[in-house]
Amino acid sequence: MTKLEKFMKQNGDWILSMWEHHEIDNFGYEADSGSLGALRDLIGELNPIKWEDQPTYGDLMTIEDFQRDCDNGSLINYDGVGEFANIDKCANIRVKPRQMRQNRLSVYIKQAIENDVITHVMWFNR
């Protein structure tokens, strides 16, 4: 593993957040869905999904129900945050309603959803 890969593995979430909000030098590239998607894919490959027991709080919903609630405005970013999940466990990957509405999920996550690895979202209200 190269030094860059090691850094990305350890700091991936921070890098994505800072890049998306234009708080770090993005090397002249706009933080568009293409560049962010490519960065998310790289970080996803370096950081496989880690599953944890679901908490006793939060609302578990199917991906389809979460997508519908995001699309119709029932859930917005200000309301809270979700974590991808399956029927038993939560993943270490957070998701915001805007990401679902704008289809801004990495190929890595889209494949996990298509292959029924990720089937639900655990929603946490503020």
Protein backbone atom coordinates (compact mmCIF):
# COMPACT_ATOMS: atom_id res chain seq x y z
CA MET A 1 0.00 0.00 0.00
CA THR A 2 1.40 3.37 -1.02
CA LYS A 3 1.62 6.30 1.39
CA LEU A 4 -1.23 8.01 -0.49
CA GLU A 5 -3.44 4.90 -0.22
CA LYS A 6 -2.67 4.65 3.49
CA PHE A 7 -3.52 8.33 4.02
CA MET A 8 -6.76 7.97 2.02
CA LYS A 9 -7.74 4.87 4.00
CA GLN A 10 -7.24 6.65 7.32
CA ASN A 11 -8.71 10.02 6.32
CA GLY A 12 -11.21 9.30 3.57
CA ASP A 13 -14.32 10.74 5.22
CA TRP A 14 -12.51 13.95 6.12
CA ILE A 15 -11.09 14.32 2.61
CA LEU A 16 -14.52 13.91 1.01
CA SER A 17 -16.15 16.36 3.38
CA MET A 18 -13.48 19.01 3.00
CA TRP A 19 -13.32 18.59 -0.81
CA GLU A 20 -17.08 18.80 -1.18
CA HIS A 21 -17.25 21.99 0.88
CA HIS A 22 -14.27 23.58 -0.91
CA GLU A 23 -12.26 23.75 2.30
CA ILE A 24 -9.13 22.12 0.89
CA ASP A 25 -7.23 22.72 -2.31
CA ASN A 26 -8.98 20.63 -4.94
CA PHE A 27 -6.09 20.98 -7.39
CA GLY A 28 -8.12 23.16 -9.72
CA TYR A 29 -10.99 20.69 -10.07
CA GLU A 30 -14.54 21.53 -9.19
CA ALA A 31 -16.10 19.32 -6.53
CA ASP A 32 -18.58 17.96 -9.03
CA SER A 33 -20.34 14.61 -8.88
CA GLY A 34 -17.77 13.03 -11.22
CA SER A 35 -14.65 13.95 -9.27
CA LEU A 36 -16.34 13.30 -5.93
CA GLY A 37 -17.65 9.97 -7.20
CA ALA A 38 -14.19 8.90 -8.32
CA LEU A 39 -12.73 9.91 -4.97
CA ARG A 40 -15.54 8.08 -3.12
CA ASP A 41 -14.89 4.96 -5.20
CA LEU A 42 -11.19 5.00 -4.38
CA ILE A 43 -11.88 5.49 -0.69
CA GLY A 44 -14.57 2.81 -0.81
CA GLU A 45 -12.15 0.29 -2.27
CA LEU A 46 -9.63 1.08 0.45
CA ASN A 47 -12.24 1.02 3.24
CA PRO A 48 -14.53 -1.98 2.91
CA ILE A 49 -17.91 -1.86 4.62
CA LYS A 50 -17.66 -2.45 8.35
CA TRP A 51 -20.83 -3.81 9.93
CA GLU A 52 -21.94 -3.06 13.50
CA ASP A 53 -25.00 -4.02 15.50
CA GLN A 54 -27.90 -1.68 14.95
CA PRO A 55 -28.54 0.78 17.77
CA THR A 56 -31.76 0.67 19.78
CA TYR A 57 -32.72 4.10 18.44
CA GLY A 58 -33.28 5.33 14.88
CA ASP A 59 -35.74 4.34 12.18
CA LEU A 60 -34.88 1.42 9.92
CA MET A 61 -36.32 1.78 6.41
CA THR A 62 -35.77 0.09 3.09
CA ILE A 63 -33.64 1.79 0.46
CA GLU A 64 -36.80 2.26 -1.63
CA ASP A 65 -38.69 3.96 1.21
CA PHE A 66 -35.70 6.17 2.02
CA GLN A 67 -35.32 7.13 -1.66
CA ARG A 68 -39.05 7.99 -1.87
CA ASP A 69 -38.92 10.13 1.29
CA CYS A 70 -35.83 11.95 -0.01
CA ASP A 71 -37.33 12.52 -3.45
CA ASN A 72 -40.62 13.90 -2.14
CA GLY A 73 -38.94 16.18 0.42
CA SER A 74 -40.15 14.33 3.52
CA LEU A 75 -36.49 14.01 4.55
CA ILE A 76 -33.95 16.80 4.04
CA ASN A 77 -30.35 17.17 5.15
CA TYR A 78 -31.35 19.39 8.07
CA ASP A 79 -33.58 16.62 9.50
CA GLY A 80 -30.77 14.24 10.37
CA VAL A 81 -28.50 11.62 8.84
CA GLY A 82 -28.79 8.03 7.70
CA GLU A 83 -26.45 5.07 7.75
CA PHE A 84 -26.60 2.37 5.15
CA ALA A 85 -27.67 -0.93 6.67
CA ASN A 86 -29.14 -4.34 6.10
CA ILE A 87 -31.89 -5.99 8.11
CA ASP A 88 -29.51 -6.83 11.01
CA LYS A 89 -26.52 -4.47 10.94
CA CYS A 90 -25.51 -0.88 10.23
CA ALA A 91 -22.65 -0.07 7.89
CA ASN A 92 -20.00 2.53 8.59
CA ILE A 93 -21.26 4.64 5.68
CA ARG A 94 -23.43 7.70 6.22
CA VAL A 95 -25.90 9.04 3.69
CA LYS A 96 -27.73 12.35 3.42
CA PRO A 97 -31.06 12.91 1.68
CA ARG A 98 -29.48 15.25 -0.87
CA GLN A 99 -27.10 12.46 -1.97
CA MET A 100 -30.08 10.20 -2.68
CA ARG A 101 -32.11 12.93 -4.41
CA GLN A 102 -29.21 13.87 -6.67
CA ASN A 103 -28.07 10.26 -7.18
CA ARG A 104 -24.64 11.15 -5.78
CA LEU A 105 -23.67 7.69 -4.56
CA SER A 106 -20.37 6.10 -5.49
CA VAL A 107 -20.24 3.15 -7.84
CA TYR A 108 -19.07 1.11 -4.84
CA ILE A 109 -22.29 1.90 -2.92
CA LYS A 110 -24.53 1.50 -5.98
CA GLN A 111 -23.08 -1.97 -6.55
CA ALA A 112 -23.62 -2.89 -2.90
CA ILE A 113 -27.27 -1.83 -3.22
CA GLU A 114 -27.75 -3.67 -6.53
CA ASN A 115 -26.23 -6.85 -5.03
CA ASP A 116 -28.45 -6.60 -1.91
CA VAL A 117 -25.46 -6.13 0.39
CA ILE A 118 -27.03 -2.83 1.46
CA THR A 119 -30.82 -3.07 1.66
CA HIS A 120 -31.84 -0.48 4.27
CA VAL A 121 -31.02 2.88 5.80
CA MET A 122 -31.04 3.52 9.55
CA TRP A 123 -32.32 7.10 9.90
CA PHE A 124 -31.33 9.25 12.87
CA ASN A 125 -33.38 12.40 13.42
CA ARG A 126 -31.68 15.44 14.91
